N, C-alpha and C. Protein backbone atom coordinates (compact mmCIF):
# COMPACT_ATOMS: atom_id res chain seq x y z
N MET A 1 82.30 110.10 159.40
CA MET A 1 83.64 110.16 158.81
C MET A 1 84.34 111.45 159.21
N LYS A 2 85.60 111.36 159.22
CA LYS A 2 86.40 112.53 159.56
C LYS A 2 86.74 113.30 158.30
N LEU A 3 87.15 114.51 158.48
CA LEU A 3 87.49 115.37 157.35
C LEU A 3 88.61 114.75 156.50
N GLY A 4 89.61 114.17 157.13
CA GLY A 4 90.72 113.55 156.39
C GLY A 4 90.26 112.38 155.54
N GLU A 5 89.30 111.59 156.05
CA GLU A 5 88.77 110.46 155.30
C GLU A 5 88.00 110.95 154.08
N ASN A 6 87.23 112.01 154.26
CA ASN A 6 86.48 112.58 153.13
C ASN A 6 87.42 113.06 152.04
N LYS A 7 88.50 113.70 152.45
CA LYS A 7 89.47 114.20 151.47
C LYS A 7 90.13 113.04 150.73
N ALA A 8 90.45 111.96 151.45
CA ALA A 8 91.07 110.79 150.81
C ALA A 8 90.12 110.17 149.80
N ILE A 9 88.85 110.06 150.17
CA ILE A 9 87.84 109.50 149.25
C ILE A 9 87.68 110.40 148.04
N LYS A 10 87.62 111.71 148.27
CA LYS A 10 87.49 112.65 147.16
C LYS A 10 88.70 112.55 146.22
N ASP A 11 89.89 112.42 146.78
CA ASP A 11 91.09 112.29 145.96
C ASP A 11 91.04 111.02 145.11
N LYS A 12 90.57 109.92 145.69
CA LYS A 12 90.45 108.66 144.93
C LYS A 12 89.45 108.80 143.80
N ILE A 13 88.34 109.46 144.09
CA ILE A 13 87.31 109.68 143.06
C ILE A 13 87.88 110.56 141.95
N ASP A 14 88.59 111.62 142.31
CA ASP A 14 89.19 112.51 141.33
C ASP A 14 90.19 111.77 140.45
N LYS A 15 91.02 110.92 141.05
CA LYS A 15 92.00 110.15 140.28
C LYS A 15 91.30 109.20 139.31
N ALA A 16 90.25 108.53 139.79
CA ALA A 16 89.50 107.61 138.94
C ALA A 16 88.85 108.37 137.78
N PHE A 17 88.28 109.53 138.07
CA PHE A 17 87.65 110.34 137.03
C PHE A 17 88.67 110.80 136.00
N ASP A 18 89.85 111.21 136.47
CA ASP A 18 90.91 111.63 135.56
C ASP A 18 91.34 110.49 134.65
N LYS A 19 91.44 109.29 135.21
CA LYS A 19 91.85 108.13 134.42
C LYS A 19 90.79 107.81 133.35
N VAL A 20 89.52 107.84 133.75
CA VAL A 20 88.44 107.58 132.80
C VAL A 20 88.43 108.65 131.71
N SER A 21 88.63 109.89 132.07
CA SER A 21 88.68 110.97 131.09
C SER A 21 89.83 110.77 130.11
N GLN A 22 90.97 110.36 130.64
CA GLN A 22 92.13 110.13 129.79
C GLN A 22 91.86 108.98 128.80
N ILE A 23 91.24 107.92 129.27
CA ILE A 23 90.91 106.79 128.40
C ILE A 23 89.91 107.23 127.33
N ALA A 24 88.91 108.00 127.71
CA ALA A 24 87.91 108.48 126.75
C ALA A 24 88.55 109.36 125.69
N LYS A 25 89.47 110.24 126.10
CA LYS A 25 90.16 111.09 125.14
C LYS A 25 91.01 110.25 124.19
N SER A 26 91.66 109.24 124.72
CA SER A 26 92.50 108.37 123.91
C SER A 26 91.65 107.64 122.87
N GLU A 27 90.51 107.12 123.30
CA GLU A 27 89.61 106.41 122.38
C GLU A 27 89.07 107.36 121.31
N ALA A 28 88.73 108.57 121.70
CA ALA A 28 88.24 109.55 120.73
C ALA A 28 89.32 109.88 119.72
N GLN A 29 90.57 110.02 120.18
CA GLN A 29 91.69 110.31 119.29
C GLN A 29 91.90 109.17 118.30
N LYS A 30 91.81 107.93 118.80
CA LYS A 30 91.97 106.76 117.92
C LYS A 30 90.88 106.76 116.84
N LYS A 31 89.66 107.09 117.24
CA LYS A 31 88.54 107.11 116.30
C LYS A 31 88.77 108.16 115.21
N VAL A 32 89.20 109.34 115.62
CA VAL A 32 89.47 110.42 114.66
C VAL A 32 90.59 110.02 113.70
N GLU A 33 91.66 109.43 114.25
CA GLU A 33 92.78 109.00 113.40
C GLU A 33 92.34 107.94 112.41
N LYS A 34 91.49 107.01 112.84
CA LYS A 34 90.99 105.96 111.93
C LYS A 34 90.14 106.57 110.83
N GLU A 35 89.29 107.52 111.19
CA GLU A 35 88.45 108.17 110.18
C GLU A 35 89.31 108.91 109.16
N LEU A 36 90.33 109.60 109.62
CA LEU A 36 91.23 110.30 108.70
C LEU A 36 91.96 109.32 107.79
N PHE A 37 92.41 108.21 108.37
CA PHE A 37 93.09 107.18 107.59
C PHE A 37 92.14 106.60 106.54
N ASP A 38 90.91 106.30 106.94
CA ASP A 38 89.93 105.75 106.00
C ASP A 38 89.64 106.74 104.87
N LYS A 39 89.56 108.02 105.19
CA LYS A 39 89.33 109.03 104.14
C LYS A 39 90.50 109.09 103.18
N GLU A 40 91.71 108.98 103.71
CA GLU A 40 92.91 109.02 102.87
C GLU A 40 92.95 107.80 101.95
N VAL A 41 92.60 106.63 102.48
CA VAL A 41 92.57 105.41 101.68
C VAL A 41 91.53 105.55 100.57
N ALA A 42 90.35 106.06 100.91
CA ALA A 42 89.29 106.25 99.92
C ALA A 42 89.74 107.23 98.84
N LYS A 43 90.42 108.28 99.25
CA LYS A 43 90.91 109.29 98.30
C LYS A 43 91.91 108.65 97.32
N LYS A 44 92.80 107.82 97.84
CA LYS A 44 93.79 107.15 96.98
C LYS A 44 93.12 106.18 96.03
N LYS A 45 92.06 105.50 96.49
CA LYS A 45 91.33 104.58 95.62
C LYS A 45 90.68 105.35 94.47
N VAL A 46 90.10 106.50 94.79
CA VAL A 46 89.46 107.32 93.76
C VAL A 46 90.50 107.79 92.75
N GLU A 47 91.66 108.23 93.23
CA GLU A 47 92.73 108.67 92.33
C GLU A 47 93.18 107.51 91.44
N GLY A 48 93.27 106.33 92.01
CA GLY A 48 93.66 105.14 91.24
C GLY A 48 92.65 104.84 90.16
N GLU A 49 91.36 104.97 90.48
CA GLU A 49 90.31 104.73 89.49
C GLU A 49 90.37 105.78 88.39
N LYS A 50 90.62 107.02 88.75
CA LYS A 50 90.72 108.08 87.75
C LYS A 50 91.87 107.78 86.79
N GLN A 51 93.01 107.36 87.34
CA GLN A 51 94.17 107.02 86.51
C GLN A 51 93.82 105.86 85.58
N ARG A 52 93.14 104.87 86.09
CA ARG A 52 92.79 103.70 85.30
C ARG A 52 91.89 104.10 84.12
N TYR A 53 90.92 104.95 84.37
CA TYR A 53 90.02 105.35 83.29
C TYR A 53 90.71 106.27 82.28
N ARG A 54 91.71 107.01 82.72
CA ARG A 54 92.45 107.85 81.79
C ARG A 54 93.25 106.99 80.81
N LEU A 55 93.71 105.84 81.29
CA LEU A 55 94.51 104.95 80.45
C LEU A 55 93.65 104.18 79.45
N LEU A 56 92.35 104.04 79.74
CA LEU A 56 91.47 103.28 78.83
C LEU A 56 91.08 104.06 77.63
C-alpha cells in the first residue's frame, strides 16, 4: 500500500471510532437521565405517601 492509502484507511477508522464514541456517550447520557428521572419519580411517590399518612 502507498502512504496515501494508509492515511485514507486511518482517516476512515478514526471517523468510525469517533462515531462509535459519540453513540456510546449518547447512550450513557440517556441512561443517566433515566436514572435521575426514576429517582425524581420515586421521591415524589415518597412525598405523596408522607402526605397521605399525615392526613390519616
